[in-house]
Amino acid sequence: MSDQLDSDRNYDPMIFDVMRETANRVVATYVAWEDEAADPREAAHWQAERFRTRHEVRAVDPDSRRAVQAKIAQLREELAAMPEHAPAIPWSRWQRQGSRGMFGRGCGKRVRFAHMAQPGN
């Protein structure tokens, strides 16, 4: 068990940089969506998603290879699912969720971008 713990703690720290850079790409998409928002409520939503992403990345244990790799996988999946332009926000659903936001922080599930209405569709 000690060897397993050591292998989790002793790893190439460059993957931590990969995690941070992948997070930067996700955040940059949210910034772009915030900039193209049609109203302040929409802009605030994308800003909140940006803050959520940064908070989640900061919460990852930098000394755990497994934790860093898991966050990289999640961020890559999120980035791959993000369209170029902001998806339409289903406001009635978002309002029912209240302060938890669109992704429902406590629920452990994320809305897939592909299922959201795209502008012009």
PDB file of N, CA and C in Angstrom:
ATOM      1  N   MET A   1       0.820  -1.187   0.000  1.00  0.00           N
ATOM      2  CA  MET A   1       0.000   0.000   0.000  1.00  0.00           C
ATOM      3  C   MET A   1       0.865   1.252   0.000  1.00  0.00           C
ATOM      4  N   SER A   2       1.985   1.176   0.674  1.00  0.00           N
ATOM      5  CA  SER A   2       2.901   2.301   0.709  1.00  0.00           C
ATOM      6  C   SER A   2       3.431   2.631  -0.678  1.00  0.00           C
ATOM      7  N   ASP A   3       3.707   1.583  -1.487  1.00  0.00           N
ATOM      8  CA  ASP A   3       4.176   1.814  -2.857  1.00  0.00           C
ATOM      9  C   ASP A   3       3.116   2.527  -3.685  1.00  0.00           C
ATOM     10  N   GLN A   4       1.857   2.150  -3.474  1.00  0.00           N
ATOM     11  CA  GLN A   4       0.774   2.796  -4.216  1.00  0.00           C
ATOM     12  C   GLN A   4       0.664   4.270  -3.831  1.00  0.00           C
ATOM     13  N   LEU A   5       0.772   4.562  -2.550  1.00  0.00           N
ATOM     14  CA  LEU A   5       0.732   5.939  -2.086  1.00  0.00           C
ATOM     15  C   LEU A   5       1.904   6.721  -2.651  1.00  0.00           C
ATOM     16  N   ASP A   6       3.099   6.123  -2.640  1.00  0.00           N
ATOM     17  CA  ASP A   6       4.278   6.789  -3.183  1.00  0.00           C
ATOM     18  C   ASP A   6       4.114   7.081  -4.672  1.00  0.00           C
ATOM     19  N   SER A   7       3.511   6.146  -5.420  1.00  0.00           N
ATOM     20  CA  SER A   7       3.349   6.370  -6.854  1.00  0.00           C
ATOM     21  C   SER A   7       2.335   7.477  -7.123  1.00  0.00           C
ATOM     22  N   ASP A   8       1.399   7.685  -6.196  1.00  0.00           N
ATOM     23  CA  ASP A   8       0.442   8.775  -6.356  1.00  0.00           C
ATOM     24  C   ASP A   8       1.083  10.115  -6.018  1.00  0.00           C
ATOM     25  N   ARG A   9       2.012  10.113  -5.095  1.00  0.00           N
ATOM     26  CA  ARG A   9       2.647  11.356  -4.640  1.00  0.00           C
ATOM     27  C   ARG A   9       3.907  11.715  -5.425  1.00  0.00           C
ATOM     28  N   ASN A  10       4.589  10.727  -5.986  1.00  0.00           N
ATOM     29  CA  ASN A  10       5.816  10.972  -6.737  1.00  0.00           C
ATOM     30  C   ASN A  10       5.520  10.855  -8.231  1.00  0.00           C
ATOM     31  N   TYR A  11       5.321  11.985  -8.872  1.00  0.00           N
ATOM     32  CA  TYR A  11       4.993  11.988 -10.298  1.00  0.00           C
ATOM     33  C   TYR A  11       5.596  13.215 -10.949  1.00  0.00           C
ATOM     34  N   ASP A  12       5.600  13.219 -12.262  1.00  0.00           N
ATOM     35  CA  ASP A  12       6.113  14.358 -13.020  1.00  0.00           C
ATOM     36  C   ASP A  12       5.163  15.539 -12.820  1.00  0.00           C
ATOM     37  N   PRO A  13       5.617  16.614 -12.219  1.00  0.00           N
ATOM     38  CA  PRO A  13       4.721  17.743 -11.916  1.00  0.00           C
ATOM     39  C   PRO A  13       4.209  18.486 -13.157  1.00  0.00           C
ATOM     40  N   MET A  14       4.721  18.157 -14.320  1.00  0.00           N
ATOM     41  CA  MET A  14       4.240  18.822 -15.537  1.00  0.00           C
ATOM     42  C   MET A  14       2.767  18.546 -15.779  1.00  0.00           C
ATOM     43  N   ILE A  15       2.229  17.429 -15.286  1.00  0.00           N
ATOM     44  CA  ILE A  15       0.809  17.182 -15.518  1.00  0.00           C
ATOM     45  C   ILE A  15      -0.046  18.184 -14.748  1.00  0.00           C
ATOM     46  N   PHE A  16       0.476  18.736 -13.674  1.00  0.00           N
ATOM     47  CA  PHE A  16      -0.247  19.792 -12.967  1.00  0.00           C
ATOM     48  C   PHE A  16      -0.372  21.009 -13.887  1.00  0.00           C
ATOM     49  N   ASP A  17       0.700  21.328 -14.605  1.00  0.00           N
ATOM     50  CA  ASP A  17       0.662  22.430 -15.567  1.00  0.00           C
ATOM     51  C   ASP A  17      -0.325  22.148 -16.698  1.00  0.00           C
ATOM     52  N   VAL A  18      -0.393  20.886 -17.118  1.00  0.00           N
ATOM     53  CA  VAL A  18      -1.357  20.500 -18.154  1.00  0.00           C
ATOM     54  C   VAL A  18      -2.772  20.742 -17.641  1.00  0.00           C
ATOM     55  N   MET A  19      -3.020  20.389 -16.386  1.00  0.00           N
ATOM     56  CA  MET A  19      -4.348  20.616 -15.806  1.00  0.00           C
ATOM     57  C   MET A  19      -4.683  22.104 -15.796  1.00  0.00           C
ATOM     58  N   ARG A  20      -3.764  22.924 -15.355  1.00  0.00           N
ATOM     59  CA  ARG A  20      -4.015  24.372 -15.278  1.00  0.00           C
ATOM     60  C   ARG A  20      -4.233  24.964 -16.669  1.00  0.00           C
ATOM     61  N   GLU A  21      -3.449  24.522 -17.646  1.00  0.00           N
ATOM     62  CA  GLU A  21      -3.612  25.050 -19.005  1.00  0.00           C
ATOM     63  C   GLU A  21      -4.931  24.595 -19.621  1.00  0.00           C
ATOM     64  N   THR A  22      -5.336  23.368 -19.355  1.00  0.00           N
ATOM     65  CA  THR A  22      -6.629  22.892 -19.847  1.00  0.00           C
ATOM     66  C   THR A  22      -7.748  23.710 -19.207  1.00  0.00           C
ATOM     67  N   ALA A  23      -7.624  24.002 -17.930  1.00  0.00           N
ATOM     68  CA  ALA A  23      -8.603  24.857 -17.249  1.00  0.00           C
ATOM     69  C   ALA A  23      -8.631  26.244 -17.879  1.00  0.00           C
ATOM     70  N   ASN A  24      -7.460  26.771 -18.239  1.00  0.00           N
ATOM     71  CA  ASN A  24      -7.405  28.081 -18.895  1.00  0.00           C
ATOM     72  C   ASN A  24      -8.206  28.082 -20.193  1.00  0.00           C
ATOM     73  N   ARG A  25      -8.148  26.990 -20.936  1.00  0.00           N
ATOM     74  CA  ARG A  25      -8.893  26.906 -22.197  1.00  0.00           C
ATOM     75  C   ARG A  25     -10.402  26.871 -21.947  1.00  0.00           C
ATOM     76  N   VAL A  26     -10.815  26.148 -20.925  1.00  0.00           N
ATOM     77  CA  VAL A  26     -12.245  26.116 -20.566  1.00  0.00           C
ATOM     78  C   VAL A  26     -12.690  27.512 -20.132  1.00  0.00           C
ATOM     79  N   VAL A  27     -11.913  28.134 -19.258  1.00  0.00           N
ATOM     80  CA  VAL A  27     -12.238  29.474 -18.760  1.00  0.00           C
ATOM     81  C   VAL A  27     -12.268  30.488 -19.910  1.00  0.00           C
ATOM     82  N   ALA A  28     -11.354  30.378 -20.839  1.00  0.00           N
ATOM     83  CA  ALA A  28     -11.335  31.299 -21.980  1.00  0.00           C
ATOM     84  C   ALA A  28     -12.622  31.191 -22.801  1.00  0.00           C
ATOM     85  N   THR A  29     -13.151  29.988 -22.910  1.00  0.00           N
ATOM     86  CA  THR A  29     -14.420  29.812 -23.617  1.00  0.00           C
ATOM     87  C   THR A  29     -15.538  30.509 -22.859  1.00  0.00           C
ATOM     88  N   TYR A  30     -15.555  30.352 -21.546  1.00  0.00           N
ATOM     89  CA  TYR A  30     -16.572  31.047 -20.752  1.00  0.00           C
ATOM     90  C   TYR A  30     -16.427  32.567 -20.864  1.00  0.00           C
ATOM     91  N   VAL A  31     -15.206  33.075 -20.913  1.00  0.00           N
ATOM     92  CA  VAL A  31     -14.987  34.514 -21.081  1.00  0.00           C
ATOM     93  C   VAL A  31     -15.555  34.968 -22.432  1.00  0.00           C
ATOM     94  N   ALA A  32     -15.301  34.188 -23.475  1.00  0.00           N
ATOM     95  CA  ALA A  32     -15.835  34.538 -24.799  1.00  0.00           C
ATOM     96  C   ALA A  32     -17.357  34.537 -24.775  1.00  0.00           C
ATOM     97  N   TRP A  33     -17.953  33.550 -24.127  1.00  0.00           N
ATOM     98  CA  TRP A  33     -19.409  33.483 -24.034  1.00  0.00           C
ATOM     99  C   TRP A  33     -19.949  34.649 -23.204  1.00  0.00           C
ATOM    100  N   GLU A  34     -19.234  35.005 -22.171  1.00  0.00           N
ATOM    101  CA  GLU A  34     -19.637  36.151 -21.347  1.00  0.00           C
ATOM    102  C   GLU A  34     -19.616  37.427 -22.182  1.00  0.00           C
ATOM    103  N   ASP A  35     -18.584  37.584 -23.006  1.00  0.00           N
ATOM    104  CA  ASP A  35     -18.470  38.767 -23.864  1.00  0.00           C
ATOM    105  C   ASP A  35     -19.569  38.847 -24.917  1.00  0.00           C
ATOM    106  N   GLU A  36     -20.033  37.712 -25.403  1.00  0.00           N
ATOM    107  CA  GLU A  36     -21.072  37.730 -26.437  1.00  0.00           C
ATOM    108  C   GLU A  36     -22.482  37.622 -25.858  1.00  0.00           C
ATOM    109  N   ALA A  37     -22.598  37.656 -24.544  1.00  0.00           N
ATOM    110  CA  ALA A  37     -23.901  37.535 -23.886  1.00  0.00           C
ATOM    111  C   ALA A  37     -24.837  38.655 -24.317  1.00  0.00           C
ATOM    112  N   ALA A  38     -26.093  38.290 -24.491  1.00  0.00           N
ATOM    113  CA  ALA A  38     -27.106  39.243 -24.942  1.00  0.00           C
ATOM    114  C   ALA A  38     -27.634  40.123 -23.812  1.00  0.00           C
ATOM    115  N   ASP A  39     -27.525  39.665 -22.578  1.00  0.00           N
ATOM    116  CA  ASP A  39     -28.023  40.465 -21.455  1.00  0.00           C
ATOM    117  C   ASP A  39     -27.155  40.211 -20.219  1.00  0.00           C
ATOM    118  N   PRO A  40     -27.262  41.077 -19.216  1.00  0.00           N
ATOM    119  CA  PRO A  40     -26.425  40.947 -18.015  1.00  0.00           C
ATOM    120  C   PRO A  40     -26.633  39.639 -17.257  1.00  0.00           C
ATOM    121  N   ARG A  41     -27.837  39.117 -17.277  1.00  0.00           N
ATOM    122  CA  ARG A  41     -28.113  37.859 -16.576  1.00  0.00           C
ATOM    123  C   ARG A  41     -27.318  36.722 -17.215  1.00  0.00           C
ATOM    124  N   GLU A  42     -27.285  36.697 -18.528  1.00  0.00           N
ATOM    125  CA  GLU A  42     -26.526  35.669 -19.245  1.00  0.00           C
ATOM    126  C   GLU A  42     -25.023  35.838 -18.989  1.00  0.00           C
ATOM    127  N   ALA A  43     -24.551  37.067 -19.026  1.00  0.00           N
ATOM    128  CA  ALA A  43     -23.130  37.333 -18.760  1.00  0.00           C
ATOM    129  C   ALA A  43     -22.760  36.874 -17.348  1.00  0.00           C
ATOM    130  N   ALA A  44     -23.639  37.150 -16.392  1.00  0.00           N
ATOM    131  CA  ALA A  44     -23.385  36.735 -15.007  1.00  0.00           C
ATOM    132  C   ALA A  44     -23.334  35.219 -14.890  1.00  0.00           C
ATOM    133  N   HIS A  45     -24.163  34.547 -15.667  1.00  0.00           N
ATOM    134  CA  HIS A  45     -24.152  33.079 -15.636  1.00  0.00           C
ATOM    135  C   HIS A  45     -22.801  32.537 -16.092  1.00  0.00           C
ATOM    136  N   TRP A  46     -22.301  33.035 -17.227  1.00  0.00           N
ATOM    137  CA  TRP A  46     -21.022  32.531 -17.746  1.00  0.00           C
ATOM    138  C   TRP A  46     -19.873  32.937 -16.835  1.00  0.00           C
ATOM    139  N   GLN A  47     -19.972  34.090 -16.194  1.00  0.00           N
ATOM    140  CA  GLN A  47     -18.960  34.483 -15.222  1.00  0.00           C
ATOM    141  C   GLN A  47     -18.961  33.503 -14.041  1.00  0.00           C
ATOM    142  N   ALA A  48     -20.136  33.116 -13.590  1.00  0.00           N
ATOM    143  CA  ALA A  48     -20.239  32.156 -12.485  1.00  0.00           C
ATOM    144  C   ALA A  48     -19.639  30.805 -12.878  1.00  0.00           C
ATOM    145  N   GLU A  49     -19.837  30.385 -14.113  1.00  0.00           N
ATOM    146  CA  GLU A  49     -19.248  29.124 -14.583  1.00  0.00           C
ATOM    147  C   GLU A  49     -17.725  29.228 -14.617  1.00  0.00           C
ATOM    148  N   ARG A  50     -17.238  30.381 -15.001  1.00  0.00           N
ATOM    149  CA  ARG A  50     -15.789  30.622 -15.007  1.00  0.00           C
ATOM    150  C   ARG A  50     -15.239  30.517 -13.585  1.00  0.00           C
ATOM    151  N   PHE A  51     -15.907  31.176 -12.648  1.00  0.00           N
ATOM    152  CA  PHE A  51     -15.474  31.118 -11.250  1.00  0.00           C
ATOM    153  C   PHE A  51     -15.545  29.697 -10.711  1.00  0.00           C
ATOM    154  N   ARG A  52     -16.596  28.962 -11.055  1.00  0.00           N
ATOM    155  CA  ARG A  52     -16.753  27.576 -10.612  1.00  0.00           C
ATOM    156  C   ARG A  52     -15.586  26.732 -11.094  1.00  0.00           C
ATOM    157  N   THR A  53     -15.224  26.895 -12.358  1.00  0.00           N
ATOM    158  CA  THR A  53     -14.120  26.117 -12.925  1.00  0.00           C
ATOM    159  C   THR A  53     -12.822  26.412 -12.184  1.00  0.00           C
ATOM    160  N   ARG A  54     -12.535  27.681 -11.972  1.00  0.00           N
ATOM    161  CA  ARG A  54     -11.308  28.053 -11.249  1.00  0.00           C
ATOM    162  C   ARG A  54     -11.311  27.482  -9.825  1.00  0.00           C
ATOM    163  N   HIS A  55     -12.443  27.571  -9.169  1.00  0.00           N
ATOM    164  CA  HIS A  55     -12.549  27.059  -7.803  1.00  0.00           C
ATOM    165  C   HIS A  55     -12.296  25.546  -7.778  1.00  0.00           C
ATOM    166  N   GLU A  56     -12.900  24.820  -8.705  1.00  0.00           N
ATOM    167  CA  GLU A  56     -12.716  23.360  -8.755  1.00  0.00           C
ATOM    168  C   GLU A  56     -11.263  22.990  -9.005  1.00  0.00           C
ATOM    169  N   VAL A  57     -10.585  23.727  -9.876  1.00  0.00           N
ATOM    170  CA  VAL A  57      -9.181  23.429 -10.187  1.00  0.00           C
ATOM    171  C   VAL A  57      -8.303  23.721  -8.973  1.00  0.00           C
ATOM    172  N   ARG A  58      -8.587  24.814  -8.286  1.00  0.00           N
ATOM    173  CA  ARG A  58      -7.800  25.140  -7.089  1.00  0.00           C
ATOM    174  C   ARG A  58      -7.991  24.108  -5.973  1.00  0.00           C
ATOM    175  N   ALA A  59      -9.120  23.433  -5.989  1.00  0.00           N
ATOM    176  CA  ALA A  59      -9.417  22.446  -4.947  1.00  0.00           C
ATOM    177  C   ALA A  59      -8.711  21.105  -5.166  1.00  0.00           C
ATOM    178  N   VAL A  60      -8.115  20.900  -6.330  1.00  0.00           N
ATOM    179  CA  VAL A  60      -7.430  19.633  -6.624  1.00  0.00           C
ATOM    180  C   VAL A  60      -6.136  19.554  -5.820  1.00  0.00           C
ATOM    181  N   ASP A  61      -5.896  18.409  -5.211  1.00  0.00           N
ATOM    182  CA  ASP A  61      -4.672  18.184  -4.439  1.00  0.00           C
ATOM    183  C   ASP A  61      -3.484  18.129  -5.400  1.00  0.00           C
ATOM    184  N   PRO A  62      -2.605  19.112  -5.364  1.00  0.00           N
ATOM    185  CA  PRO A  62      -1.485  19.131  -6.305  1.00  0.00           C
ATOM    186  C   PRO A  62      -0.468  18.014  -6.064  1.00  0.00           C
ATOM    187  N   ASP A  63      -0.557  17.374  -4.905  1.00  0.00           N
ATOM    188  CA  ASP A  63       0.365  16.291  -4.587  1.00  0.00           C
ATOM    189  C   ASP A  63      -0.164  14.917  -4.977  1.00  0.00           C
ATOM    190  N   SER A  64      -1.347  14.873  -5.561  1.00  0.00           N
ATOM    191  CA  SER A  64      -1.951  13.598  -5.931  1.00  0.00           C
ATOM    192  C   SER A  64      -2.035  13.465  -7.449  1.00  0.00           C
ATOM    193  N   ARG A  65      -1.249  12.571  -8.001  1.00  0.00           N
ATOM    194  CA  ARG A  65      -1.268  12.324  -9.443  1.00  0.00           C
ATOM    195  C   ARG A  65      -2.661  11.919  -9.894  1.00  0.00           C
ATOM    196  N   ARG A  66      -3.300  11.029  -9.154  1.00  0.00           N
ATOM    197  CA  ARG A  66      -4.643  10.558  -9.537  1.00  0.00           C
ATOM    198  C   ARG A  66      -5.658  11.698  -9.564  1.00  0.00           C
ATOM    199  N   ALA A  67      -5.609  12.588  -8.579  1.00  0.00           N
ATOM    200  CA  ALA A  67      -6.541  13.717  -8.533  1.00  0.00           C
ATOM    201  C   ALA A  67      -6.316  14.659  -9.709  1.00  0.00           C
ATOM    202  N   VAL A  68      -5.059  14.921 -10.019  1.00  0.00           N
ATOM    203  CA  VAL A  68      -4.735  15.806 -11.138  1.00  0.00           C
ATOM    204  C   VAL A  68      -5.174  15.171 -12.455  1.00  0.00           C
ATOM    205  N   GLN A  69      -4.886  13.888 -12.646  1.00  0.00           N
ATOM    206  CA  GLN A  69      -5.283  13.212 -13.882  1.00  0.00           C
ATOM    207  C   GLN A  69      -6.805  13.159 -14.029  1.00  0.00           C
ATOM    208  N   ALA A  70      -7.511  12.958 -12.942  1.00  0.00           N
ATOM    209  CA  ALA A  70      -8.972  12.924 -13.004  1.00  0.00           C
ATOM    210  C   ALA A  70      -9.530  14.287 -13.411  1.00  0.00           C
ATOM    211  N   LYS A  71      -8.960  15.353 -12.872  1.00  0.00           N
ATOM    212  CA  LYS A  71      -9.426  16.698 -13.228  1.00  0.00           C
ATOM    213  C   LYS A  71      -9.088  17.016 -14.681  1.00  0.00           C
ATOM    214  N   ILE A  72      -7.913  16.589 -15.156  1.00  0.00           N
ATOM    215  CA  ILE A  72      -7.563  16.795 -16.566  1.00  0.00           C
ATOM    216  C   ILE A  72      -8.588  16.111 -17.456  1.00  0.00           C
ATOM    217  N   ALA A  73      -8.942  14.887 -17.134  1.00  0.00           N
ATOM    218  CA  ALA A  73      -9.918  14.143 -17.947  1.00  0.00           C
ATOM    219  C   ALA A  73     -11.263  14.861 -17.955  1.00  0.00           C
ATOM    220  N   GLN A  74     -11.696  15.340 -16.799  1.00  0.00           N
ATOM    221  CA  GLN A  74     -12.973  16.047 -16.726  1.00  0.00           C
ATOM    222  C   GLN A  74     -12.930  17.340 -17.537  1.00  0.00           C
ATOM    223  N   LEU A  75     -11.850  18.110 -17.410  1.00  0.00           N
ATOM    224  CA  LEU A  75     -11.729  19.370 -18.142  1.00  0.00           C
ATOM    225  C   LEU A  75     -11.671  19.135 -19.650  1.00  0.00           C
ATOM    226  N   ARG A  76     -10.965  18.101 -20.068  1.00  0.00           N
ATOM    227  CA  ARG A  76     -10.891  17.797 -21.502  1.00  0.00           C
ATOM    228  C   ARG A  76     -12.254  17.416 -22.059  1.00  0.00           C
ATOM    229  N   GLU A  77     -13.008  16.652 -21.276  1.00  0.00           N
ATOM    230  CA  GLU A  77     -14.361  16.272 -21.697  1.00  0.00           C
ATOM    231  C   GLU A  77     -15.253  17.515 -21.807  1.00  0.00           C
ATOM    232  N   GLU A  78     -15.160  18.380 -20.818  1.00  0.00           N
ATOM    233  CA  GLU A  78     -15.949  19.614 -20.833  1.00  0.00           C
ATOM    234  C   GLU A  78     -15.570  20.485 -22.027  1.00  0.00           C
ATOM    235  N   LEU A  79     -14.274  20.641 -22.262  1.00  0.00           N
ATOM    236  CA  LEU A  79     -13.802  21.459 -23.369  1.00  0.00           C
ATOM    237  C   LEU A  79     -14.249  20.897 -24.718  1.00  0.00           C
ATOM    238  N   ALA A  80     -14.166  19.595 -24.872  1.00  0.00           N
ATOM    239  CA  ALA A  80     -14.560  18.965 -26.132  1.00  0.00           C
ATOM    240  C   ALA A  80     -16.051  19.140 -26.408  1.00  0.00           C
ATOM    241  N   ALA A  81     -16.860  19.239 -25.361  1.00  0.00           N
ATOM    242  CA  ALA A  81     -18.307  19.372 -25.522  1.00  0.00           C
ATOM    243  C   ALA A  81     -18.755  20.821 -25.732  1.00  0.00           C
ATOM    244  N   MET A  82     -17.848  21.775 -25.532  1.00  0.00           N
ATOM    245  CA  MET A  82     -18.228  23.188 -25.625  1.00  0.00           C
ATOM    246  C   MET A  82     -18.271  23.646 -27.080  1.00  0.00           C
ATOM    247  N   PRO A  83     -19.426  24.188 -27.505  1.00  0.00           N
ATOM    248  CA  PRO A  83     -19.496  24.739 -28.856  1.00  0.00           C
ATOM    249  C   PRO A  83     -18.749  26.074 -28.927  1.00  0.00           C
ATOM    250  N   GLU A  84     -18.529  26.541 -30.142  1.00  0.00           N
ATOM    251  CA  GLU A  84     -17.802  27.802 -30.317  1.00  0.00           C
ATOM    252  C   GLU A  84     -18.558  28.975 -29.698  1.00  0.00           C
ATOM    253  N   HIS A  85     -19.867  29.017 -29.915  1.00  0.00           N
ATOM    254  CA  HIS A  85     -20.691  30.107 -29.389  1.00  0.00           C
ATOM    255  C   HIS A  85     -21.527  29.596 -28.222  1.00  0.00           C
ATOM    256  N   ALA A  86     -21.860  30.496 -27.340  1.00  0.00           N
ATOM    257  CA  ALA A  86     -22.600  30.133 -26.132  1.00  0.00           C
ATOM    258  C   ALA A  86     -23.935  29.491 -26.480  1.00  0.00           C
ATOM    259  N   PRO A  87     -24.242  28.392 -25.816  1.00  0.00           N
ATOM    260  CA  PRO A  87     -25.562  27.787 -26.011  1.00  0.00           C
ATOM    261  C   PRO A  87     -26.632  28.641 -25.345  1.00  0.00           C
ATOM    262  N   ALA A  88     -27.839  28.522 -25.841  1.00  0.00           N
ATOM    263  CA  ALA A  88     -28.964  29.226 -25.207  1.00  0.00           C
ATOM    264  C   ALA A  88     -29.170  28.639 -23.812  1.00  0.00           C
ATOM    265  N   ILE A  89     -29.427  29.491 -22.875  1.00  0.00           N
ATOM    266  CA  ILE A  89     -29.608  29.053 -21.495  1.00  0.00           C
ATOM    267  C   ILE A  89     -31.095  28.841 -21.239  1.00  0.00           C
ATOM    268  N   PRO A  90     -31.463  27.659 -20.764  1.00  0.00           N
ATOM    269  CA  PRO A  90     -32.869  27.417 -20.425  1.00  0.00           C
ATOM    270  C   PRO A  90     -33.195  28.093 -19.096  1.00  0.00           C
ATOM    271  N   TRP A  91     -33.531  29.385 -19.131  1.00  0.00           N
ATOM    272  CA  TRP A  91     -33.658  30.190 -17.918  1.00  0.00           C
ATOM    273  C   TRP A  91     -34.656  29.636 -16.923  1.00  0.00           C
ATOM    274  N   SER A  92     -35.772  29.083 -17.380  1.00  0.00           N
ATOM    275  CA  SER A  92     -36.750  28.591 -16.414  1.00  0.00           C
ATOM    276  C   SER A  92     -36.144  27.463 -15.576  1.00  0.00           C
ATOM    277  N   ARG A  93     -35.369  26.592 -16.180  1.00  0.00           N
ATOM    278  CA  ARG A  93     -34.705  25.516 -15.444  1.00  0.00           C
ATOM    279  C   ARG A  93     -33.638  26.087 -14.522  1.00  0.00           C
ATOM    280  N   TRP A  94     -32.866  27.045 -15.026  1.00  0.00           N
ATOM    281  CA  TRP A  94     -31.798  27.657 -14.243  1.00  0.00           C
ATOM    282  C   TRP A  94     -32.362  28.340 -13.010  1.00  0.00           C
ATOM    283  N   GLN A  95     -33.490  29.032 -13.150  1.00  0.00           N
ATOM    284  CA  GLN A  95     -34.082  29.751 -12.022  1.00  0.00           C
ATOM    285  C   GLN A  95     -34.591  28.783 -10.960  1.00  0.00           C
ATOM    286  N   ARG A  96     -35.113  27.627 -11.369  1.00  0.00           N
ATOM    287  CA  ARG A  96     -35.582  26.640 -10.395  1.00  0.00           C
ATOM    288  C   ARG A  96     -34.425  26.117  -9.553  1.00  0.00           C
ATOM    289  N   GLN A  97     -33.221  26.083 -10.131  1.00  0.00           N
ATOM    290  CA  GLN A  97     -32.064  25.568  -9.408  1.00  0.00           C
ATOM    291  C   GLN A  97     -31.488  26.597  -8.457  1.00  0.00           C
ATOM    292  N   GLY A  98     -31.908  27.834  -8.579  1.00  0.00           N
ATOM    293  CA  GLY A  98     -31.468  28.891  -7.678  1.00  0.00           C
ATOM    294  C   GLY A  98     -29.974  29.117  -7.731  1.00  0.00           C
ATOM    295  N   SER A  99     -29.354  29.277  -6.580  1.00  0.00           N
ATOM    296  CA  SER A  99     -27.947  29.646  -6.517  1.00  0.00           C
ATOM    297  C   SER A  99     -27.003  28.527  -6.934  1.00  0.00           C
ATOM    298  N   ARG A 100     -27.524  27.322  -7.154  1.00  0.00           N
ATOM    299  CA  ARG A 100     -26.651  26.227  -7.561  1.00  0.00           C
ATOM    300  C   ARG A 100     -26.194  26.387  -8.998  1.00  0.00           C
ATOM    301  N   GLY A 101     -26.836  27.270  -9.743  1.00  0.00           N
ATOM    302  CA  GLY A 101     -26.437  27.508 -11.121  1.00  0.00           C
ATOM    303  C   GLY A 101     -26.911  26.416 -12.056  1.00  0.00           C
ATOM    304  N   MET A 102     -26.515  26.536 -13.284  1.00  0.00           N
ATOM    305  CA  MET A 102     -26.980  25.650 -14.323  1.00  0.00           C
ATOM    306  C   MET A 102     -26.516  24.220 -14.120  1.00  0.00           C
ATOM    307  N   PHE A 103     -25.351  24.033 -13.567  1.00  0.00           N
ATOM    308  CA  PHE A 103     -24.793  22.705 -13.435  1.00  0.00           C
ATOM    309  C   PHE A 103     -25.113  22.085 -12.086  1.00  0.00           C
ATOM    310  N   GLY A 104     -25.840  22.776 -11.236  1.00  0.00           N
ATOM    311  CA  GLY A 104     -26.245  22.223  -9.958  1.00  0.00           C
ATOM    312  C   GLY A 104     -25.068  21.745  -9.135  1.00  0.00           C
ATOM    313  N   ARG A 105     -24.336  22.643  -8.550  1.00  0.00           N
ATOM    314  CA  ARG A 105     -23.085  22.315  -7.862  1.00  0.00           C
ATOM    315  C   ARG A 105     -23.172  21.089  -6.976  1.00  0.00           C
ATOM    316  N   GLY A 106     -24.250  20.923  -6.254  1.00  0.00           N
ATOM    317  CA  GLY A 106     -24.330  19.819  -5.321  1.00  0.00           C
ATOM    318  C   GLY A 106     -24.774  18.509  -5.937  1.00  0.00           C
ATOM    319  N   CYS A 107     -25.240  18.522  -7.182  1.00  0.00           N
ATOM    320  CA  CYS A 107     -25.854  17.314  -7.718  1.00  0.00           C
ATOM    321  C   CYS A 107     -24.856  16.357  -8.352  1.00  0.00           C
ATOM    322  N   GLY A 108     -23.669  16.807  -8.693  1.00  0.00           N
ATOM    323  CA  GLY A 108     -22.673  15.919  -9.274  1.00  0.00           C
ATOM    324  C   GLY A 108     -22.903  15.603 -10.735  1.00  0.00           C
ATOM    325  N   LYS A 109     -23.866  16.247 -11.360  1.00  0.00           N
ATOM    326  CA  LYS A 109     -24.149  16.014 -12.782  1.00  0.00           C
ATOM    327  C   LYS A 109     -23.985  17.325 -13.536  1.00  0.00           C
ATOM    328  N   ARG A 110     -23.593  17.217 -14.765  1.00  0.00           N
ATOM    329  CA  ARG A 110     -23.423  18.402 -15.598  1.00  0.00           C
ATOM    330  C   ARG A 110     -24.334  18.298 -16.807  1.00  0.00           C
ATOM    331  N   VAL A 111     -24.848  19.422 -17.207  1.00  0.00           N
ATOM    332  CA  VAL A 111     -25.640  19.474 -18.429  1.00  0.00           C
ATOM    333  C   VAL A 111     -24.664  19.418 -19.589  1.00  0.00           C
ATOM    334  N   ARG A 112     -24.910  18.566 -20.532  1.00  0.00           N
ATOM    335  CA  ARG A 112     -24.052  18.481 -21.711  1.00  0.00           C
ATOM    336  C   ARG A 112     -24.411  19.596 -22.669  1.00  0.00           C
ATOM    337  N   PHE A 113     -23.422  20.270 -23.185  1.00  0.00           N
ATOM    338  CA  PHE A 113     -23.650  21.394 -24.081  1.00  0.00           C
ATOM    339  C   PHE A 113     -24.369  20.974 -25.352  1.00  0.00           C
ATOM    340  N   ALA A 114     -24.138  19.766 -25.812  1.00  0.00           N
ATOM    341  CA  ALA A 114     -24.755  19.304 -27.047  1.00  0.00           C
ATOM    342  C   ALA A 114     -26.276  19.253 -26.933  1.00  0.00           C
ATOM    343  N   HIS A 115     -26.805  19.123 -25.731  1.00  0.00           N
ATOM    344  CA  HIS A 115     -28.247  19.041 -25.524  1.00  0.00           C
ATOM    345  C   HIS A 115     -28.907  20.398 -25.393  1.00  0.00           C
ATOM    346  N   MET A 116     -28.112  21.440 -25.390  1.00  0.00           N
ATOM    347  CA  MET A 116     -28.671  22.777 -25.235  1.00  0.00           C
ATOM    348  C   MET A 116     -28.899  23.378 -26.616  1.00  0.00           C
ATOM    349  N   ALA A 117     -29.891  24.230 -26.722  1.00  0.00           N
ATOM    350  CA  ALA A 117     -30.196  24.856 -28.004  1.00  0.00           C
ATOM    351  C   ALA A 117     -29.049  25.749 -28.434  1.00  0.00           C
ATOM    352  N   GLN A 118     -28.678  25.653 -29.676  1.00  0.00           N
ATOM    353  CA  GLN A 118     -27.625  26.485 -30.228  1.00  0.00           C
ATOM    354  C   GLN A 118     -28.237  27.722 -30.873  1.00  0.00           C
ATOM    355  N   PRO A 119     -27.547  28.872 -30.818  1.00  0.00           N
ATOM    356  CA  PRO A 119     -28.068  30.060 -31.459  1.00  0.00           C
ATOM    357  C   PRO A 119     -28.302  29.776 -32.949  1.00  0.00           C
ATOM    358  N   GLY A 120     -29.444  30.218 -33.434  1.00  0.00           N
ATOM    359  CA  GLY A 120     -29.752  30.042 -34.858  1.00  0.00           C
ATOM    360  C   GLY A 120     -30.419  28.730 -35.184  1.00  0.00           C
ATOM    361  N   ASN A 121     -30.641  27.859 -34.200  1.00  0.00           N
ATOM    362  CA  ASN A 121     -31.303  26.564 -34.449  1.00  0.00           C
ATOM    363  C   ASN A 121     -32.768  26.684 -34.163  1.00  0.00           C
TER     364      ASN A 121
END
